[in-house]
Amino acid sequence: MKRILALPVTLLLFAGCNNPKTKPTNENYVKTLNAYFLDHSECLLDGAMTFPLETSDPAKTSQMDALAKAQIVEAHSEPAIHVSRYILTAEGRRVGAHLCYGHREVTEILSSTPPAKANGFVETQVSYRYKIEDLPVWVKTPGLFEQFPAMAREASGEATDQATLAVTGVGWSVPEK
Protein backbone atom coordinates (compact mmCIF):
# COMPACT_ATOMS: atom_id res chain seq x y z
CA MET A 1 0.00 0.00 0.00
CA LYS A 2 2.87 2.40 0.78
CA ARG A 3 4.33 1.97 -2.70
CA ILE A 4 0.97 2.80 -4.31
CA LEU A 5 0.77 6.10 -2.38
CA ALA A 6 4.43 6.94 -2.86
CA LEU A 7 4.20 6.90 -6.66
CA PRO A 8 1.47 9.60 -6.98
CA VAL A 9 3.19 11.79 -4.40
CA THR A 10 6.50 11.47 -6.24
CA LEU A 11 4.82 12.26 -9.55
CA LEU A 12 3.23 15.37 -8.04
CA LEU A 13 6.59 16.57 -6.75
CA PHE A 14 8.22 16.12 -10.17
CA ALA A 15 5.26 17.77 -11.90
CA GLY A 16 5.95 20.94 -9.88
CA CYS A 17 9.53 20.99 -11.18
CA ASN A 18 8.30 21.32 -14.77
CA ASN A 19 5.76 24.03 -13.97
CA PRO A 20 6.84 27.24 -15.76
CA LYS A 21 5.28 29.28 -12.92
CA THR A 22 7.84 27.88 -10.46
CA LYS A 23 10.87 28.91 -12.51
CA PRO A 24 12.96 31.68 -10.90
CA THR A 25 12.41 34.35 -13.56
CA ASN A 26 11.90 38.10 -13.27
CA GLU A 27 8.61 37.70 -15.14
CA ASN A 28 7.32 35.24 -12.52
CA TYR A 29 8.50 37.49 -9.69
CA VAL A 30 6.72 40.53 -11.17
CA LYS A 31 3.48 38.56 -11.70
CA THR A 32 3.61 37.21 -8.15
CA LEU A 33 4.23 40.57 -6.53
CA ASN A 34 1.59 42.37 -8.61
CA ALA A 35 -1.03 39.72 -7.78
CA TYR A 36 -0.16 40.10 -4.10
CA PHE A 37 -0.32 43.90 -4.13
CA LEU A 38 -3.77 43.95 -5.76
CA ASP A 39 -5.09 42.82 -2.36
CA HIS A 40 -2.69 44.89 -0.22
CA SER A 41 -3.26 48.63 -0.56
CA GLU A 42 -0.85 51.34 0.53
CA CYS A 43 -2.27 53.37 3.42
CA LEU A 44 -1.29 56.47 5.39
CA LEU A 45 -2.42 55.05 8.71
CA ASP A 46 -1.59 51.64 10.11
CA GLY A 47 -4.52 51.34 12.50
CA ALA A 48 -2.67 52.77 15.51
CA MET A 49 -4.67 56.00 15.10
CA THR A 50 -8.44 56.02 15.12
CA PHE A 51 -11.04 58.67 14.42
CA PRO A 52 -12.16 60.88 15.95
CA LEU A 53 -8.55 61.86 16.64
CA GLU A 54 -7.48 64.40 19.21
CA THR A 55 -3.95 65.75 19.23
CA SER A 56 -1.86 68.57 20.59
CA ASP A 57 1.30 67.37 18.82
CA PRO A 58 2.32 70.07 16.31
CA ALA A 59 3.65 67.55 13.75
CA LYS A 60 0.49 65.44 13.87
CA THR A 61 -1.64 68.62 13.72
CA SER A 62 0.19 69.70 10.53
CA GLN A 63 -0.43 66.30 8.95
CA MET A 64 -4.11 66.32 9.88
CA ASP A 65 -4.51 69.91 8.67
CA ALA A 66 -3.09 68.83 5.29
CA LEU A 67 -5.68 66.04 5.20
CA ALA A 68 -8.36 68.62 6.06
CA LYS A 69 -7.28 70.66 3.00
CA ALA A 70 -7.70 67.46 0.97
CA GLN A 71 -11.23 67.17 2.44
CA ILE A 72 -10.50 63.77 4.01
CA VAL A 73 -10.88 64.95 7.61
CA GLU A 74 -12.71 67.81 9.24
CA ALA A 75 -10.79 69.85 11.82
CA HIS A 76 -12.23 71.24 15.04
CA SER A 77 -10.17 73.35 17.42
CA GLU A 78 -10.55 73.07 21.19
CA PRO A 79 -8.60 76.18 22.32
CA ALA A 80 -9.54 75.82 25.99
CA ILE A 81 -7.62 72.54 26.22
CA HIS A 82 -5.10 73.21 23.38
CA VAL A 83 -6.26 70.24 21.32
CA SER A 84 -7.34 69.82 17.73
CA ARG A 85 -9.99 67.23 16.99
CA TYR A 86 -10.33 65.54 13.60
CA ILE A 87 -13.15 63.44 12.22
CA LEU A 88 -13.47 61.74 8.85
CA THR A 89 -15.53 63.54 6.23
CA ALA A 90 -17.86 61.62 3.91
CA GLU A 91 -14.92 61.32 1.48
CA GLY A 92 -12.68 60.15 4.32
CA ARG A 93 -15.18 57.47 5.30
CA ARG A 94 -15.33 56.35 1.67
CA VAL A 95 -11.52 56.09 1.59
CA GLY A 96 -11.55 54.16 4.88
CA ALA A 97 -10.09 54.73 8.33
CA HIS A 98 -6.59 53.66 7.24
CA LEU A 99 -6.67 56.25 4.43
CA CYS A 100 -5.53 53.93 1.67
CA TYR A 101 -4.37 55.51 -1.56
CA GLY A 102 -3.76 52.79 -4.14
CA HIS A 103 -1.66 49.69 -4.57
CA ARG A 104 1.84 48.93 -5.76
CA GLU A 105 2.54 47.83 -9.29
CA VAL A 106 6.00 46.35 -9.76
CA THR A 107 7.65 47.76 -12.86
CA GLU A 108 11.06 46.13 -12.62
CA ILE A 109 13.01 43.50 -10.72
CA LEU A 110 16.34 45.08 -9.80
CA SER A 111 17.97 41.98 -8.33
CA SER A 112 17.24 38.61 -6.76
CA THR A 113 19.14 36.09 -4.72
CA PRO A 114 19.57 32.53 -5.95
CA PRO A 115 16.63 30.43 -4.75
CA ALA A 116 17.57 28.48 -1.61
CA LYS A 117 15.74 26.37 0.95
CA ALA A 118 14.63 28.41 3.98
CA ASN A 119 11.69 28.09 6.37
CA GLY A 120 10.66 24.83 4.70
CA PHE A 121 10.36 26.40 1.23
CA VAL A 122 12.61 27.41 -1.60
CA GLU A 123 12.85 31.19 -1.21
CA THR A 124 14.45 34.16 -2.92
CA GLN A 125 14.88 37.79 -1.92
CA VAL A 126 13.98 40.26 -4.65
CA SER A 127 14.59 43.99 -4.92
CA TYR A 128 12.10 45.80 -7.12
CA ARG A 129 10.97 49.18 -8.41
CA TYR A 130 7.29 50.08 -8.28
CA LYS A 131 4.71 52.77 -8.87
CA ILE A 132 1.36 53.35 -7.20
CA GLU A 133 -1.70 52.49 -9.27
CA ASP A 134 -5.18 53.93 -8.72
CA LEU A 135 -3.80 57.04 -7.00
CA PRO A 136 -6.86 59.09 -5.96
CA VAL A 137 -7.21 62.80 -6.69
CA TRP A 138 -7.11 63.82 -3.00
CA VAL A 139 -3.51 62.55 -2.74
CA LYS A 140 -2.41 65.28 -5.15
CA THR A 141 -3.62 68.09 -2.86
CA PRO A 142 -0.86 70.72 -2.49
CA GLY A 143 1.04 70.28 0.76
CA LEU A 144 0.08 66.65 1.33
CA PHE A 145 3.34 65.16 0.03
CA GLU A 146 5.34 67.47 2.30
CA GLN A 147 3.45 66.17 5.33
CA PHE A 148 3.64 62.53 4.25
CA PRO A 149 7.06 62.03 2.63
CA ALA A 150 6.74 58.23 2.46
CA MET A 151 3.60 58.62 0.36
CA ALA A 152 5.39 61.17 -1.84
CA ARG A 153 8.27 58.73 -2.40
CA GLU A 154 5.86 55.94 -3.30
CA ALA A 155 3.84 58.15 -5.65
CA SER A 156 7.00 59.24 -7.50
CA GLY A 157 7.07 56.07 -9.63
CA GLU A 158 10.71 55.50 -8.65
CA ALA A 159 10.20 53.83 -5.27
CA THR A 160 12.06 50.61 -4.49
CA ASP A 161 11.59 47.88 -1.92
CA GLN A 162 12.47 44.26 -1.18
CA ALA A 163 10.36 41.14 -0.67
CA THR A 164 10.77 37.48 0.10
CA LEU A 165 9.14 35.09 -2.36
CA ALA A 166 8.63 31.37 -1.79
CA VAL A 167 7.96 28.72 -4.41
CA THR A 168 4.97 26.43 -3.92
CA GLY A 169 3.56 23.67 -6.09
CA VAL A 170 1.56 26.20 -8.12
CA GLY A 171 4.17 28.95 -8.44
CA TRP A 172 5.81 31.72 -6.48
CA SER A 173 4.01 33.44 -3.59
CA VAL A 174 4.58 36.14 -0.98
CA PRO A 175 4.61 34.45 2.45
CA GLU A 176 2.29 36.10 4.97
CA LYS A 177 4.05 37.46 8.04
C-alpha atoms as a PDB file:
ATOM      1  CA  MET A   1       0.000   0.000   0.000  1.00  0.00           C
ATOM      2  CA  LYS A   2       2.873   2.402   0.784  1.00  0.00           C
ATOM      3  CA  ARG A   3       4.326   1.970  -2.701  1.00  0.00           C
ATOM      4  CA  ILE A   4       0.974   2.802  -4.306  1.00  0.00           C
ATOM      5  CA  LEU A   5       0.773   6.103  -2.379  1.00  0.00           C
ATOM      6  CA  ALA A   6       4.429   6.936  -2.864  1.00  0.00           C
ATOM      7  CA  LEU A   7       4.198   6.895  -6.664  1.00  0.00           C
ATOM      8  CA  PRO A   8       1.468   9.596  -6.978  1.00  0.00           C
ATOM      9  CA  VAL A   9       3.193  11.786  -4.396  1.00  0.00           C
ATOM     10  CA  THR A  10       6.504  11.471  -6.243  1.00  0.00           C
ATOM     11  CA  LEU A  11       4.818  12.260  -9.553  1.00  0.00           C
ATOM     12  CA  LEU A  12       3.228  15.375  -8.039  1.00  0.00           C
ATOM     13  CA  LEU A  13       6.593  16.565  -6.753  1.00  0.00           C
ATOM     14  CA  PHE A  14       8.221  16.125 -10.166  1.00  0.00           C
ATOM     15  CA  ALA A  15       5.255  17.771 -11.903  1.00  0.00           C
ATOM     16  CA  GLY A  16       5.951  20.937  -9.882  1.00  0.00           C
ATOM     17  CA  CYS A  17       9.530  20.993 -11.183  1.00  0.00           C
ATOM     18  CA  ASN A  18       8.298  21.323 -14.773  1.00  0.00           C
ATOM     19  CA  ASN A  19       5.764  24.028 -13.971  1.00  0.00           C
ATOM     20  CA  PRO A  20       6.844  27.237 -15.763  1.00  0.00           C
ATOM     21  CA  LYS A  21       5.276  29.283 -12.919  1.00  0.00           C
ATOM     22  CA  THR A  22       7.844  27.885 -10.461  1.00  0.00           C
ATOM     23  CA  LYS A  23      10.865  28.905 -12.509  1.00  0.00           C
ATOM     24  CA  PRO A  24      12.958  31.681 -10.905  1.00  0.00           C
ATOM     25  CA  THR A  25      12.413  34.351 -13.563  1.00  0.00           C
ATOM     26  CA  ASN A  26      11.899  38.100 -13.265  1.00  0.00           C
ATOM     27  CA  GLU A  27       8.609  37.698 -15.137  1.00  0.00           C
ATOM     28  CA  ASN A  28       7.316  35.240 -12.516  1.00  0.00           C
ATOM     29  CA  TYR A  29       8.505  37.491  -9.690  1.00  0.00           C
ATOM     30  CA  VAL A  30       6.718  40.531 -11.174  1.00  0.00           C
ATOM     31  CA  LYS A  31       3.484  38.564 -11.703  1.00  0.00           C
ATOM     32  CA  THR A  32       3.608  37.206  -8.150  1.00  0.00           C
ATOM     33  CA  LEU A  33       4.229  40.573  -6.532  1.00  0.00           C
ATOM     34  CA  ASN A  34       1.593  42.368  -8.608  1.00  0.00           C
ATOM     35  CA  ALA A  35      -1.028  39.719  -7.777  1.00  0.00           C
ATOM     36  CA  TYR A  36      -0.159  40.103  -4.099  1.00  0.00           C
ATOM     37  CA  PHE A  37      -0.322  43.903  -4.127  1.00  0.00           C
ATOM     38  CA  LEU A  38      -3.769  43.952  -5.759  1.00  0.00           C
ATOM     39  CA  ASP A  39      -5.091  42.822  -2.358  1.00  0.00           C
ATOM     40  CA  HIS A  40      -2.691  44.887  -0.217  1.00  0.00           C
ATOM     41  CA  SER A  41      -3.263  48.630  -0.555  1.00  0.00           C
ATOM     42  CA  GLU A  42      -0.854  51.341   0.526  1.00  0.00           C
ATOM     43  CA  CYS A  43      -2.272  53.366   3.417  1.00  0.00           C
ATOM     44  CA  LEU A  44      -1.288  56.467   5.385  1.00  0.00           C
ATOM     45  CA  LEU A  45      -2.422  55.048   8.715  1.00  0.00           C
ATOM     46  CA  ASP A  46      -1.590  51.636  10.114  1.00  0.00           C
ATOM     47  CA  GLY A  47      -4.521  51.338  12.499  1.00  0.00           C
ATOM     48  CA  ALA A  48      -2.673  52.769  15.508  1.00  0.00           C
ATOM     49  CA  MET A  49      -4.667  55.999  15.098  1.00  0.00           C
ATOM     50  CA  THR A  50      -8.439  56.016  15.116  1.00  0.00           C
ATOM     51  CA  PHE A  51     -11.039  58.667  14.415  1.00  0.00           C
ATOM     52  CA  PRO A  52     -12.157  60.876  15.952  1.00  0.00           C
ATOM     53  CA  LEU A  53      -8.551  61.860  16.641  1.00  0.00           C
ATOM     54  CA  GLU A  54      -7.485  64.403  19.208  1.00  0.00           C
ATOM     55  CA  THR A  55      -3.948  65.750  19.233  1.00  0.00           C
ATOM     56  CA  SER A  56      -1.864  68.572  20.591  1.00  0.00           C
ATOM     57  CA  ASP A  57       1.297  67.366  18.825  1.00  0.00           C
ATOM     58  CA  PRO A  58       2.323  70.074  16.314  1.00  0.00           C
ATOM     59  CA  ALA A  59       3.654  67.553  13.749  1.00  0.00           C
ATOM     60  CA  LYS A  60       0.485  65.445  13.870  1.00  0.00           C
ATOM     61  CA  THR A  61      -1.642  68.620  13.720  1.00  0.00           C
ATOM     62  CA  SER A  62       0.190  69.699  10.533  1.00  0.00           C
ATOM     63  CA  GLN A  63      -0.428  66.302   8.948  1.00  0.00           C
ATOM     64  CA  MET A  64      -4.109  66.317   9.878  1.00  0.00           C
ATOM     65  CA  ASP A  65      -4.509  69.914   8.669  1.00  0.00           C
ATOM     66  CA  ALA A  66      -3.090  68.832   5.286  1.00  0.00           C
ATOM     67  CA  LEU A  67      -5.685  66.040   5.200  1.00  0.00           C
ATOM     68  CA  ALA A  68      -8.356  68.615   6.058  1.00  0.00           C
ATOM     69  CA  LYS A  69      -7.283  70.659   3.003  1.00  0.00           C
ATOM     70  CA  ALA A  70      -7.701  67.464   0.970  1.00  0.00           C
ATOM     71  CA  GLN A  71     -11.230  67.172   2.440  1.00  0.00           C
ATOM     72  CA  ILE A  72     -10.496  63.775   4.014  1.00  0.00           C
ATOM     73  CA  VAL A  73     -10.880  64.950   7.605  1.00  0.00           C
ATOM     74  CA  GLU A  74     -12.714  67.811   9.237  1.00  0.00           C
ATOM     75  CA  ALA A  75     -10.791  69.846  11.817  1.00  0.00           C
ATOM     76  CA  HIS A  76     -12.226  71.238  15.043  1.00  0.00           C
ATOM     77  CA  SER A  77     -10.173  73.348  17.422  1.00  0.00           C
ATOM     78  CA  GLU A  78     -10.551  73.070  21.187  1.00  0.00           C
ATOM     79  CA  PRO A  79      -8.599  76.181  22.316  1.00  0.00           C
ATOM     80  CA  ALA A  80      -9.536  75.821  25.986  1.00  0.00           C
ATOM     81  CA  ILE A  81      -7.616  72.536  26.216  1.00  0.00           C
ATOM     82  CA  HIS A  82      -5.102  73.210  23.381  1.00  0.00           C
ATOM     83  CA  VAL A  83      -6.256  70.235  21.325  1.00  0.00           C
ATOM     84  CA  SER A  84      -7.335  69.824  17.730  1.00  0.00           C
ATOM     85  CA  ARG A  85      -9.991  67.226  16.994  1.00  0.00           C
ATOM     86  CA  TYR A  86     -10.326  65.537  13.604  1.00  0.00           C
ATOM     87  CA  ILE A  87     -13.151  63.436  12.217  1.00  0.00           C
ATOM     88  CA  LEU A  88     -13.469  61.738   8.851  1.00  0.00           C
ATOM     89  CA  THR A  89     -15.527  63.541   6.230  1.00  0.00           C
ATOM     90  CA  ALA A  90     -17.865  61.625   3.909  1.00  0.00           C
ATOM     91  CA  GLU A  91     -14.922  61.324   1.484  1.00  0.00           C
ATOM     92  CA  GLY A  92     -12.678  60.151   4.316  1.00  0.00           C
ATOM     93  CA  ARG A  93     -15.185  57.469   5.300  1.00  0.00           C
ATOM     94  CA  ARG A  94     -15.325  56.345   1.673  1.00  0.00           C
ATOM     95  CA  VAL A  95     -11.517  56.088   1.590  1.00  0.00           C
ATOM     96  CA  GLY A  96     -11.550  54.161   4.884  1.00  0.00           C
ATOM     97  CA  ALA A  97     -10.094  54.735   8.330  1.00  0.00           C
ATOM     98  CA  HIS A  98      -6.590  53.662   7.244  1.00  0.00           C
ATOM     99  CA  LEU A  99      -6.674  56.253   4.434  1.00  0.00           C
ATOM    100  CA  CYS A 100      -5.527  53.932   1.666  1.00  0.00           C
ATOM    101  CA  TYR A 101      -4.375  55.514  -1.559  1.00  0.00           C
ATOM    102  CA  GLY A 102      -3.757  52.791  -4.140  1.00  0.00           C
ATOM    103  CA  HIS A 103      -1.656  49.686  -4.573  1.00  0.00           C
ATOM    104  CA  ARG A 104       1.840  48.927  -5.756  1.00  0.00           C
ATOM    105  CA  GLU A 105       2.538  47.826  -9.295  1.00  0.00           C
ATOM    106  CA  VAL A 106       5.998  46.354  -9.756  1.00  0.00           C
ATOM    107  CA  THR A 107       7.651  47.763 -12.856  1.00  0.00           C
ATOM    108  CA  GLU A 108      11.059  46.129 -12.622  1.00  0.00           C
ATOM    109  CA  ILE A 109      13.010  43.503 -10.717  1.00  0.00           C
ATOM    110  CA  LEU A 110      16.339  45.081  -9.801  1.00  0.00           C
ATOM    111  CA  SER A 111      17.968  41.977  -8.329  1.00  0.00           C
ATOM    112  CA  SER A 112      17.236  38.613  -6.760  1.00  0.00           C
ATOM    113  CA  THR A 113      19.138  36.088  -4.717  1.00  0.00           C
ATOM    114  CA  PRO A 114      19.574  32.533  -5.951  1.00  0.00           C
ATOM    115  CA  PRO A 115      16.634  30.432  -4.745  1.00  0.00           C
ATOM    116  CA  ALA A 116      17.572  28.480  -1.608  1.00  0.00           C
ATOM    117  CA  LYS A 117      15.742  26.373   0.952  1.00  0.00           C
ATOM    118  CA  ALA A 118      14.626  28.406   3.985  1.00  0.00           C
ATOM    119  CA  ASN A 119      11.686  28.086   6.370  1.00  0.00           C
ATOM    120  CA  GLY A 120      10.659  24.828   4.703  1.00  0.00           C
ATOM    121  CA  PHE A 121      10.355  26.401   1.234  1.00  0.00           C
ATOM    122  CA  VAL A 122      12.607  27.410  -1.599  1.00  0.00           C
ATOM    123  CA  GLU A 123      12.851  31.189  -1.214  1.00  0.00           C
ATOM    124  CA  THR A 124      14.445  34.164  -2.924  1.00  0.00           C
ATOM    125  CA  GLN A 125      14.877  37.791  -1.919  1.00  0.00           C
ATOM    126  CA  VAL A 126      13.978  40.263  -4.650  1.00  0.00           C
ATOM    127  CA  SER A 127      14.588  43.992  -4.915  1.00  0.00           C
ATOM    128  CA  TYR A 128      12.098  45.800  -7.116  1.00  0.00           C
ATOM    129  CA  ARG A 129      10.967  49.184  -8.411  1.00  0.00           C
ATOM    130  CA  TYR A 130       7.288  50.082  -8.281  1.00  0.00           C
ATOM    131  CA  LYS A 131       4.713  52.772  -8.871  1.00  0.00           C
ATOM    132  CA  ILE A 132       1.356  53.346  -7.200  1.00  0.00           C
ATOM    133  CA  GLU A 133      -1.703  52.491  -9.271  1.00  0.00           C
ATOM    134  CA  ASP A 134      -5.177  53.931  -8.715  1.00  0.00           C
ATOM    135  CA  LEU A 135      -3.800  57.037  -6.995  1.00  0.00           C
ATOM    136  CA  PRO A 136      -6.865  59.089  -5.963  1.00  0.00           C
ATOM    137  CA  VAL A 137      -7.211  62.804  -6.686  1.00  0.00           C
ATOM    138  CA  TRP A 138      -7.107  63.816  -2.995  1.00  0.00           C
ATOM    139  CA  VAL A 139      -3.510  62.548  -2.740  1.00  0.00           C
ATOM    140  CA  LYS A 140      -2.414  65.279  -5.153  1.00  0.00           C
ATOM    141  CA  THR A 141      -3.622  68.089  -2.864  1.00  0.00           C
ATOM    142  CA  PRO A 142      -0.861  70.719  -2.494  1.00  0.00           C
ATOM    143  CA  GLY A 143       1.045  70.277   0.762  1.00  0.00           C
ATOM    144  CA  LEU A 144       0.080  66.648   1.331  1.00  0.00           C
ATOM    145  CA  PHE A 145       3.337  65.159   0.034  1.00  0.00           C
ATOM    146  CA  GLU A 146       5.338  67.471   2.303  1.00  0.00           C
ATOM    147  CA  GLN A 147       3.445  66.174   5.333  1.00  0.00           C
ATOM    148  CA  PHE A 148       3.638  62.529   4.248  1.00  0.00           C
ATOM    149  CA  PRO A 149       7.065  62.030   2.628  1.00  0.00           C
ATOM    150  CA  ALA A 150       6.742  58.229   2.463  1.00  0.00           C
ATOM    151  CA  MET A 151       3.597  58.621   0.362  1.00  0.00           C
ATOM    152  CA  ALA A 152       5.392  61.170  -1.836  1.00  0.00           C
ATOM    153  CA  ARG A 153       8.268  58.734  -2.397  1.00  0.00           C
ATOM    154  CA  GLU A 154       5.858  55.939  -3.304  1.00  0.00           C
ATOM    155  CA  ALA A 155       3.838  58.147  -5.652  1.00  0.00           C
ATOM    156  CA  SER A 156       6.995  59.236  -7.495  1.00  0.00           C
ATOM    157  CA  GLY A 157       7.071  56.072  -9.625  1.00  0.00           C
ATOM    158  CA  GLU A 158      10.708  55.505  -8.648  1.00  0.00           C
ATOM    159  CA  ALA A 159      10.198  53.828  -5.265  1.00  0.00           C
ATOM    160  CA  THR A 160      12.060  50.610  -4.490  1.00  0.00           C
ATOM    161  CA  ASP A 161      11.591  47.875  -1.922  1.00  0.00           C
ATOM    162  CA  GLN A 162      12.465  44.257  -1.178  1.00  0.00           C
ATOM    163  CA  ALA A 163      10.359  41.145  -0.673  1.00  0.00           C
ATOM    164  CA  THR A 164      10.774  37.483   0.100  1.00  0.00           C
ATOM    165  CA  LEU A 165       9.143  35.088  -2.364  1.00  0.00           C
ATOM    166  CA  ALA A 166       8.628  31.372  -1.793  1.00  0.00           C
ATOM    167  CA  VAL A 167       7.957  28.724  -4.412  1.00  0.00           C
ATOM    168  CA  THR A 168       4.975  26.426  -3.917  1.00  0.00           C
ATOM    169  CA  GLY A 169       3.558  23.670  -6.093  1.00  0.00           C
ATOM    170  CA  VAL A 170       1.560  26.200  -8.119  1.00  0.00           C
ATOM    171  CA  GLY A 171       4.168  28.948  -8.439  1.00  0.00           C
ATOM    172  CA  TRP A 172       5.809  31.721  -6.482  1.00  0.00           C
ATOM    173  CA  SER A 173       4.010  33.445  -3.586  1.00  0.00           C
ATOM    174  CA  VAL A 174       4.584  36.140  -0.975  1.00  0.00           C
ATOM    175  CA  PRO A 175       4.613  34.453   2.447  1.00  0.00           C
ATOM    176  CA  GLU A 176       2.290  36.102   4.968  1.00  0.00           C
ATOM    177  CA  LYS A 177       4.046  37.465   8.037  1.00  0.00           C
END
